[in-house]
């Protein structure tokens, strides 16, 4: 009762991730620890400013070629 509520999606994703890491048995502590890690990753990525694909390409563009007359 002292644990925060989690969605079914979060529970399934956390169990899947723990299994990927080699855990055969998933206990309550491991489950909620993984959910907390997943939530922290989401919060960190939301806090960073988004960069568009165009802004990533612009610094790599060459200067325009001078027109021939």
N, C-alpha and C. Protein backbone atom coordinates (compact mmCIF):
# COMPACT_ATOMS: atom_id res chain seq x y z
N UNK A 1 0.81 -1.20 0.00
CA UNK A 1 0.00 0.00 0.00
C UNK A 1 0.86 1.27 0.00
N UNK A 2 2.13 1.14 0.33
CA UNK A 2 2.98 2.33 0.38
C UNK A 2 3.62 2.64 -0.96
N UNK A 3 3.43 1.80 -1.94
CA UNK A 3 4.02 2.02 -3.27
C UNK A 3 3.11 2.91 -4.10
N UNK A 4 3.72 3.72 -4.99
CA UNK A 4 2.89 4.56 -5.86
C UNK A 4 2.18 3.69 -6.90
N UNK A 5 1.05 4.13 -7.37
CA UNK A 5 0.35 3.34 -8.39
C UNK A 5 1.13 3.35 -9.70
N UNK A 6 1.09 2.23 -10.40
CA UNK A 6 1.71 2.13 -11.72
C UNK A 6 0.68 1.57 -12.68
N UNK A 7 0.86 1.89 -13.95
CA UNK A 7 -0.07 1.38 -14.94
C UNK A 7 0.32 -0.04 -15.34
N UNK A 8 -0.60 -0.73 -15.95
CA UNK A 8 -0.32 -2.08 -16.42
C UNK A 8 0.79 -2.05 -17.47
N UNK A 9 0.79 -1.02 -18.31
CA UNK A 9 1.83 -0.87 -19.33
C UNK A 9 3.20 -0.74 -18.66
N UNK A 10 3.29 0.09 -17.61
CA UNK A 10 4.56 0.26 -16.90
C UNK A 10 5.02 -1.05 -16.27
N UNK A 11 4.08 -1.79 -15.69
CA UNK A 11 4.42 -3.05 -15.04
C UNK A 11 4.96 -4.04 -16.06
N UNK A 12 4.29 -4.15 -17.20
CA UNK A 12 4.73 -5.10 -18.23
C UNK A 12 6.08 -4.69 -18.83
N UNK A 13 6.28 -3.40 -19.06
CA UNK A 13 7.55 -2.93 -19.61
C UNK A 13 8.69 -3.16 -18.62
N UNK A 14 8.44 -2.94 -17.34
CA UNK A 14 9.46 -3.14 -16.31
C UNK A 14 9.83 -4.62 -16.19
N UNK A 15 8.84 -5.49 -16.22
CA UNK A 15 9.12 -6.93 -16.14
C UNK A 15 9.91 -7.37 -17.37
N UNK A 16 9.53 -6.88 -18.54
CA UNK A 16 10.25 -7.23 -19.77
C UNK A 16 11.70 -6.76 -19.70
N UNK A 17 11.91 -5.56 -19.21
CA UNK A 17 13.28 -5.03 -19.11
C UNK A 17 14.11 -5.82 -18.10
N UNK A 18 13.50 -6.19 -16.98
CA UNK A 18 14.21 -6.99 -16.00
C UNK A 18 14.58 -8.36 -16.57
N UNK A 19 13.69 -8.93 -17.36
CA UNK A 19 13.99 -10.22 -18.00
C UNK A 19 15.14 -10.08 -18.99
N UNK A 20 15.16 -8.95 -19.73
CA UNK A 20 16.26 -8.70 -20.66
C UNK A 20 17.60 -8.62 -19.92
N UNK A 21 17.55 -8.11 -18.71
CA UNK A 21 18.76 -7.98 -17.90
C UNK A 21 19.15 -9.28 -17.22
N UNK A 22 18.38 -10.35 -17.46
CA UNK A 22 18.74 -11.66 -16.93
C UNK A 22 18.08 -12.03 -15.62
N UNK A 23 17.09 -11.30 -15.19
CA UNK A 23 16.40 -11.63 -13.94
C UNK A 23 15.32 -12.67 -14.21
N UNK A 24 15.43 -13.85 -13.62
CA UNK A 24 14.40 -14.87 -13.77
C UNK A 24 13.22 -14.60 -12.84
N UNK A 25 13.54 -14.22 -11.62
CA UNK A 25 12.51 -13.90 -10.64
C UNK A 25 12.43 -12.39 -10.47
N UNK A 26 11.23 -11.86 -10.56
CA UNK A 26 11.03 -10.42 -10.41
C UNK A 26 10.27 -10.19 -9.11
N UNK A 27 10.93 -9.52 -8.17
CA UNK A 27 10.27 -9.23 -6.91
C UNK A 27 9.74 -7.79 -6.93
N UNK A 28 8.99 -7.45 -5.93
CA UNK A 28 8.35 -6.15 -5.85
C UNK A 28 9.37 -5.01 -5.84
N UNK A 29 10.44 -5.16 -5.09
CA UNK A 29 11.46 -4.10 -5.02
C UNK A 29 12.10 -3.85 -6.38
N UNK A 30 12.45 -4.93 -7.08
CA UNK A 30 13.06 -4.79 -8.41
C UNK A 30 12.08 -4.16 -9.39
N UNK A 31 10.84 -4.55 -9.31
CA UNK A 31 9.82 -4.03 -10.21
C UNK A 31 9.66 -2.51 -10.04
N UNK A 32 9.48 -2.07 -8.81
CA UNK A 32 9.27 -0.64 -8.57
C UNK A 32 10.54 0.17 -8.80
N UNK A 33 11.69 -0.43 -8.59
CA UNK A 33 12.94 0.24 -8.90
C UNK A 33 13.07 0.48 -10.41
N UNK A 34 12.70 -0.51 -11.19
CA UNK A 34 12.77 -0.38 -12.65
C UNK A 34 11.74 0.64 -13.15
N UNK A 35 10.56 0.64 -12.58
CA UNK A 35 9.55 1.64 -12.97
C UNK A 35 10.06 3.04 -12.66
N UNK A 36 10.70 3.21 -11.53
CA UNK A 36 11.26 4.52 -11.17
C UNK A 36 12.35 4.93 -12.16
N UNK A 37 13.21 4.00 -12.55
CA UNK A 37 14.24 4.29 -13.55
C UNK A 37 13.62 4.71 -14.87
N UNK A 38 12.60 4.00 -15.29
CA UNK A 38 11.93 4.32 -16.56
C UNK A 38 11.28 5.70 -16.50
N UNK A 39 10.66 6.01 -15.37
CA UNK A 39 10.04 7.34 -15.22
C UNK A 39 11.09 8.44 -15.22
N UNK A 40 12.25 8.19 -14.61
CA UNK A 40 13.33 9.18 -14.58
C UNK A 40 13.87 9.44 -15.99
N UNK A 41 14.01 8.39 -16.77
CA UNK A 41 14.46 8.55 -18.16
C UNK A 41 13.47 9.41 -18.93
N UNK A 42 12.18 9.17 -18.73
CA UNK A 42 11.15 9.94 -19.41
C UNK A 42 11.21 11.40 -19.00
N UNK A 43 11.36 11.67 -17.71
CA UNK A 43 11.43 13.04 -17.22
C UNK A 43 12.67 13.75 -17.75
N UNK A 44 13.80 13.06 -17.77
CA UNK A 44 15.04 13.66 -18.28
C UNK A 44 14.93 14.01 -19.76
N UNK A 45 14.35 13.12 -20.53
CA UNK A 45 14.24 13.39 -21.97
C UNK A 45 13.23 14.50 -22.24
N UNK A 46 12.20 14.61 -21.43
CA UNK A 46 11.21 15.68 -21.61
C UNK A 46 11.80 17.03 -21.23
N UNK A 47 12.76 17.04 -20.34
CA UNK A 47 13.34 18.30 -19.88
C UNK A 47 14.33 18.88 -20.90
N UNK A 48 14.91 18.01 -21.74
CA UNK A 48 15.85 18.49 -22.76
C UNK A 48 15.10 19.12 -23.91
N UNK A 49 15.63 20.19 -24.48
CA UNK A 49 14.96 20.80 -25.62
C UNK A 49 15.04 19.89 -26.84
N UNK A 50 13.98 19.86 -27.59
CA UNK A 50 13.94 19.04 -28.79
C UNK A 50 14.68 19.74 -29.92
N UNK A 51 15.41 18.94 -30.68
CA UNK A 51 16.11 19.49 -31.84
C UNK A 51 15.50 18.85 -33.07
N UNK A 52 15.19 19.67 -34.04
CA UNK A 52 14.61 19.13 -35.26
C UNK A 52 15.70 18.56 -36.15
N UNK A 53 15.32 17.76 -37.10
CA UNK A 53 16.28 17.18 -38.03
C UNK A 53 16.97 18.27 -38.84
N UNK A 54 16.25 19.32 -39.18
CA UNK A 54 16.83 20.40 -39.95
C UNK A 54 17.91 21.12 -39.16
N UNK A 55 17.69 21.37 -37.88
CA UNK A 55 18.69 22.08 -37.09
C UNK A 55 19.96 21.26 -36.91
N UNK A 56 19.84 19.93 -36.98
CA UNK A 56 21.03 19.09 -36.89
C UNK A 56 21.82 19.12 -38.19
N UNK A 57 21.13 19.30 -39.31
CA UNK A 57 21.82 19.29 -40.61
C UNK A 57 22.42 20.63 -40.98
N UNK A 58 21.84 21.71 -40.54
CA UNK A 58 22.29 23.02 -40.98
C UNK A 58 23.76 23.31 -40.73
N UNK A 59 24.34 23.00 -39.59
CA UNK A 59 25.76 23.31 -39.39
C UNK A 59 26.68 22.56 -40.36
N UNK A 60 26.23 21.45 -40.91
CA UNK A 60 27.05 20.65 -41.79
C UNK A 60 26.92 21.06 -43.26
N UNK A 61 26.08 22.00 -43.58
CA UNK A 61 25.89 22.40 -44.96
C UNK A 61 27.05 23.24 -45.44
N UNK A 62 27.37 23.08 -46.71
CA UNK A 62 28.44 23.88 -47.31
C UNK A 62 27.89 25.25 -47.69
N UNK A 63 28.76 26.24 -47.76
CA UNK A 63 28.29 27.55 -48.20
C UNK A 63 27.90 27.48 -49.67
N UNK A 64 26.97 28.34 -50.09
CA UNK A 64 26.52 28.29 -51.48
C UNK A 64 27.65 28.64 -52.43
N UNK A 65 27.62 28.04 -53.62
CA UNK A 65 28.62 28.29 -54.65
C UNK A 65 28.29 29.63 -55.32
N UNK A 66 29.31 30.44 -55.52
CA UNK A 66 29.11 31.73 -56.18
C UNK A 66 28.62 31.50 -57.61
N UNK A 67 27.64 32.24 -58.02
CA UNK A 67 27.09 32.05 -59.37
C UNK A 67 28.10 32.53 -60.42
N UNK A 68 28.13 31.83 -61.55
CA UNK A 68 29.03 32.18 -62.65
C UNK A 68 28.33 33.18 -63.56
N UNK A 69 29.07 34.19 -64.04
CA UNK A 69 28.46 35.17 -64.95
C UNK A 69 29.14 35.16 -66.25
